[in-house]
Every structure is written in C-alpha cells, then in structure tokens.
C-alpha atoms as a PDB file:
ATOM      1  CA  MET A   1    -195.802  32.281  92.673  1.00  0.00           C
ATOM      2  CA  ILE A   2    -195.809  30.025  95.713  1.00  0.00           C
ATOM      3  CA  TYR A   3    -197.394  26.612  95.809  1.00  0.00           C
ATOM      4  CA  PHE A   4    -198.145  24.326  98.710  1.00  0.00           C
ATOM      5  CA  LYS A   5    -200.769  21.891  99.881  1.00  0.00           C
ATOM      6  CA  ILE A   6    -203.534  22.979 102.207  1.00  0.00           C
ATOM      7  CA  ARG A   7    -205.111  20.513 104.597  1.00  0.00           C
ATOM      8  CA  ASN A   8    -207.364  20.657 107.612  1.00  0.00           C
ATOM      9  CA  GLN A   9    -205.506  21.462 110.773  1.00  0.00           C
ATOM     10  CA  THR A  10    -204.778  18.663 113.216  1.00  0.00           C
ATOM     11  CA  LYS A  11    -204.391  18.902 116.950  1.00  0.00           C
ATOM     12  CA  ARG A  12    -200.772  19.045 118.104  1.00  0.00           C
ATOM     13  CA  ASN A  13    -201.298  19.458 121.811  1.00  0.00           C
ATOM     14  CA  GLY A  14    -203.645  21.207 124.223  1.00  0.00           C
ATOM     15  CA  GLY A  15    -203.420  24.725 125.542  1.00  0.00           C
ATOM     16  CA  GLU A  16    -204.063  27.912 123.655  1.00  0.00           C
ATOM     17  CA  ASN A  17    -203.779  26.395 120.183  1.00  0.00           C
ATOM     18  CA  MET A  18    -206.539  27.237 117.733  1.00  0.00           C
ATOM     19  CA  ARG A  19    -207.720  26.002 114.388  1.00  0.00           C
ATOM     20  CA  ILE A  20    -206.604  28.276 111.581  1.00  0.00           C
ATOM     21  CA  ASN A  21    -208.202  28.671 108.172  1.00  0.00           C
ATOM     22  CA  SER A  22    -205.278  27.566 105.995  1.00  0.00           C
ATOM     23  CA  SER A  23    -207.036  28.520 102.783  1.00  0.00           C
ATOM     24  CA  ARG A  24    -207.610  32.054 104.026  1.00  0.00           C
ATOM     25  CA  LEU A  25    -204.007  32.357 105.207  1.00  0.00           C
ATOM     26  CA  PHE A  26    -202.808  31.165 101.801  1.00  0.00           C
ATOM     27  CA  VAL A  27    -205.063  33.612  99.928  1.00  0.00           C
ATOM     28  CA  LEU A  28    -203.931  36.527 102.086  1.00  0.00           C
ATOM     29  CA  THR A  29    -200.264  35.624 101.649  1.00  0.00           C
ATOM     30  CA  ALA A  30    -200.509  35.045  97.908  1.00  0.00           C
ATOM     31  CA  GLY A  31    -202.705  38.108  97.435  1.00  0.00           C
ATOM     32  CA  ARG A  32    -199.992  40.263  98.927  1.00  0.00           C
ATOM     33  CA  LYS A  33    -197.442  38.514  96.684  1.00  0.00           C
ATOM     34  CA  LEU A  34    -195.459  37.393  99.707  1.00  0.00           C
ATOM     35  CA  THR A  35    -193.269  34.335  99.858  1.00  0.00           C
ATOM     36  CA  ILE A  36    -193.235  32.153 102.940  1.00  0.00           C
ATOM     37  CA  GLU A  37    -189.774  33.552 103.687  1.00  0.00           C
ATOM     38  CA  GLN A  38    -191.061  37.132 103.521  1.00  0.00           C
ATOM     39  CA  LEU A  39    -194.029  36.303 105.760  1.00  0.00           C
ATOM     40  CA  ALA A  40    -191.677  34.604 108.214  1.00  0.00           C
ATOM     41  CA  LYS A  41    -189.380  37.620 108.325  1.00  0.00           C
ATOM     42  CA  SER A  42    -192.169  40.163 108.761  1.00  0.00           C
ATOM     43  CA  SER A  43    -194.087  38.105 111.331  1.00  0.00           C
ATOM     44  CA  GLY A  44    -191.222  36.719 113.395  1.00  0.00           C
ATOM     45  CA  VAL A  45    -192.667  33.210 112.920  1.00  0.00           C
ATOM     46  CA  SER A  46    -190.255  30.650 111.517  1.00  0.00           C
ATOM     47  CA  ARG A  47    -190.621  29.512 107.932  1.00  0.00           C
ATOM     48  CA  THR A  48    -190.872  25.928 109.171  1.00  0.00           C
ATOM     49  CA  THR A  49    -193.751  26.786 111.508  1.00  0.00           C
ATOM     50  CA  ILE A  50    -195.620  28.592 108.730  1.00  0.00           C
ATOM     51  CA  TRP A  51    -195.241  25.582 106.417  1.00  0.00           C
ATOM     52  CA  LYS A  52    -196.456  23.261 109.179  1.00  0.00           C
ATOM     53  CA  VAL A  53    -199.480  25.476 109.847  1.00  0.00           C
ATOM     54  CA  LEU A  54    -200.351  25.700 106.149  1.00  0.00           C
ATOM     55  CA  ASN A  55    -200.002  21.947 105.699  1.00  0.00           C
ATOM     56  CA  GLY A  56    -201.983  21.018 108.785  1.00  0.00           C
ATOM     57  CA  LYS A  57    -199.091  19.591 110.768  1.00  0.00           C
ATOM     58  CA  VAL A  58    -199.590  21.907 113.758  1.00  0.00           C
ATOM     59  CA  LYS A  59    -202.244  24.160 115.224  1.00  0.00           C
ATOM     60  CA  PRO A  60    -200.751  27.572 115.974  1.00  0.00           C
ATOM     61  CA  ASN A  61    -201.062  29.145 119.396  1.00  0.00           C
ATOM     62  CA  THR A  62    -202.677  32.542 119.866  1.00  0.00           C
ATOM     63  CA  ASP A  63    -199.281  34.273 119.796  1.00  0.00           C
ATOM     64  CA  THR A  64    -198.450  32.831 116.396  1.00  0.00           C
ATOM     65  CA  ILE A  65    -201.868  33.673 115.007  1.00  0.00           C
ATOM     66  CA  GLY A  66    -201.484  37.249 116.217  1.00  0.00           C
ATOM     67  CA  LYS A  67    -198.049  37.601 114.629  1.00  0.00           C
ATOM     68  CA  LEU A  68    -199.217  36.207 111.286  1.00  0.00           C
ATOM     69  CA  ALA A  69    -202.313  38.400 111.287  1.00  0.00           C
ATOM     70  CA  ALA A  70    -200.276  41.507 112.116  1.00  0.00           C
ATOM     71  CA  ALA A  71    -197.795  40.756 109.325  1.00  0.00           C
ATOM     72  CA  LEU A  72    -200.699  40.406 106.886  1.00  0.00           C
ATOM     73  CA  ASP A  73    -202.405  43.528 108.279  1.00  0.00           C
ATOM     74  CA  VAL A  74    -205.618  41.692 109.174  1.00  0.00           C
ATOM     75  CA  SER A  75    -207.488  40.871 112.345  1.00  0.00           C
ATOM     76  CA  PRO A  76    -206.648  37.485 113.906  1.00  0.00           C
ATOM     77  CA  ALA A  77    -210.349  36.653 113.513  1.00  0.00           C
ATOM     78  CA  GLU A  78    -209.860  36.723 109.730  1.00  0.00           C
ATOM     79  CA  ILE A  79    -207.527  33.729 109.790  1.00  0.00           C
ATOM     80  CA  ILE A  80    -209.141  31.696 112.577  1.00  0.00           C
ATOM     81  CA  GLU A  81    -211.407  28.933 111.375  1.00  0.00           C
ATOM     82  CA  LYS A  82    -214.992  29.464 112.486  1.00  0.00           C
END
C-alpha cells in the first residue's frame, strides 16, 4: 500500500497549469494498486513531479494532466478540480 499526504494545490507559476483533485488522483492510483513508480513509468511523468502534485507543491500543466489521466485510463476531467 502507498501512503502520502494530500493537500490543496498551490500555484507554481502562470500559464496552462490547472488545479488537480489530489484526492481523486490518489484514489484512482491506489484503486488500481499502482505505486508512484509504476504510475510514473506508465505516464512518462517523473516520480518527483507526481509526488509534488499529490502533495500540493506544484500545479500540473495540461500535458501532465493528460499523461496521468491516460495512464489511469480516465478522462482528464476526472482528475481536474472543479
């Protein structure tokens, strides 16, 4: 089982960055019994970036959101905070 803190996302810088629903991303990852390393490998997003996203250190750009969503086999809208 994987454990990590989930916090609200904070703004890193402007541009195409979006707020992600960290709780939803965690549930999807854990529900598929994936480790952060496995998600990183299947998405092409670095393990460090995934940890930062999940812990609210960075807001991912649309590219990153798309890669994570594709690796989890969900629509990007399912992990974007509304």
